[in-house]
Amino acid sequence: MTSKVPALSEAAVVSPGAAFLGPSPVARRSQTTLILLCLAHFFIDLYSSALAAFQPIIVDKMGISLAQAGVLGGLLVFSSSTTQPLYGYLSDRFRSRLFVALAPAVAGIFISLLGAAPTYSAAIAMVLLGGAGVASFHPQGATRATEGVTENKARWMAVFISSGTLGLAFGPTFFSALAGRLGMDMTWLGMIPGVLITTLLLFQLPPAAESRTGRTSFNWPELKAVWRPLLVLYLLVFIRSIVQISFTQFLPLYLRRERSWTLEAASLALSLYLASGAIGGLLGGNLADRFGGRTVILISMIASVPFLGMFFFTTGIWSLVGLSLGGLILLFTIPVNLTMGQELAPTQAATVSALMMGFAWGTAGMIFIPLVGWAADHFTLHKALLALLIFPIAGYLLALKLPKK
């Protein structure tokens, strides 16, 4: 007498929960892909946040203004984020895993060499080349992280996103420690993890699965059909990114110049802010699965403002508490916006991911990093950063236009 074993449904085979428990080849491939991409995302974003640690030293070493420092940050954002739709288009068209596999080495090599850049022009070249590696990874990485997932997609997207946010959090501390202990000329050692991750991806990352529609090329009509909701989601990501990227870029410089913190302490404060955001991303994904994306976005926008204000108007431990809670709540929406965008145009997921992650982040950075630097030269960094808190309020009003379902 043979026992009856219930057949696994499609969702059970390809969902993340089944990927960790189920024995099928599809489940094992999903598990391997998610783990590898989370690991790669951690180091990719670790490199993308290194400039925040280098900036105070570069400003002193090269004698550049805060506006020039802002331009340097804006160029990194352009290269690493604004160009992502191009890589999304190429990824949707060719579906080659080289877009993600080579990215950690490229980002690691050039960003790590930034510490040894002899001139401002050389520093510009390093951030542009290193940023290209960051841009190449994100569209396809975000698409493949939840490849085939049918249930609780926001939750597992939050795991992928938060792995990158943790990398952002550790980047300033890692590179400030490297520069502080070994000197700026030895920061090239930071490239080693990126090269190792690229080697691992080349040998272990499974090939991309074919889409259910059989379509592997760019499809403009599908994007055009949903341009209105995509535009609202894009603007919401843009608004959040104004605050997030400006704080990430200027927080160590602000704490060192206007609060007399050491570089190590200022970098740790930035790491705390970004680590809190990583936790916020995990919470946001779970809350969205339970209460809906619109509700999470509304809460994130309005509730982050008083805590970030608390950072500016208090000192000591209470200031850090406000910074941490503000970052945690502000970053609720990262996996929410991305998942909602992918669901609008599922066969163009890489392109949508590039719009929701890279292009929105990049355009915000290109405009506001130099603008905040200019404002800081004229009005102090304190006033320039504090003024940014008007944007989450505007985001709350815009999110009210999202449909309730």
Foldseek 3Di string as FASTA:
>chain_A
DDDDDDDDDLQLQQAQVNLVVPDDPNSVLLVLLLVLLLLLLLLLLLLLLQLLLCLVVCCVLAVDALLLSLQLQLLLLCQQFQCLLVLLQVCLAPQDPCLALLLLLQLLQLSLCLLVQPHSVSNSVSSNRNSNSNSSRFLVSLLSNSPSHDALSLLSSLSSVLSNLLSSLCNSLVQNVVCVPPNSNPSSVRSVVSVVSSVCCVPRNDGDDQDPVNRRHDDVVLCVVPVVVLVLLLVLLLLLLLLVVQCSNCQLVQCCPVVVDDSNVSSNLSSLLSNLLSLLSNVLSVVCSPQNLLVLLLCLLPVLLVLCVQLLPDDDPSNSRSSSVSSSSSNSNLSVSLVVQCVSRVSSSSSSSSSNTRSSSSVSSNPNSSVLSVCCVPPNNSVSSNVSSVSSVVSSVSSVPDDSD
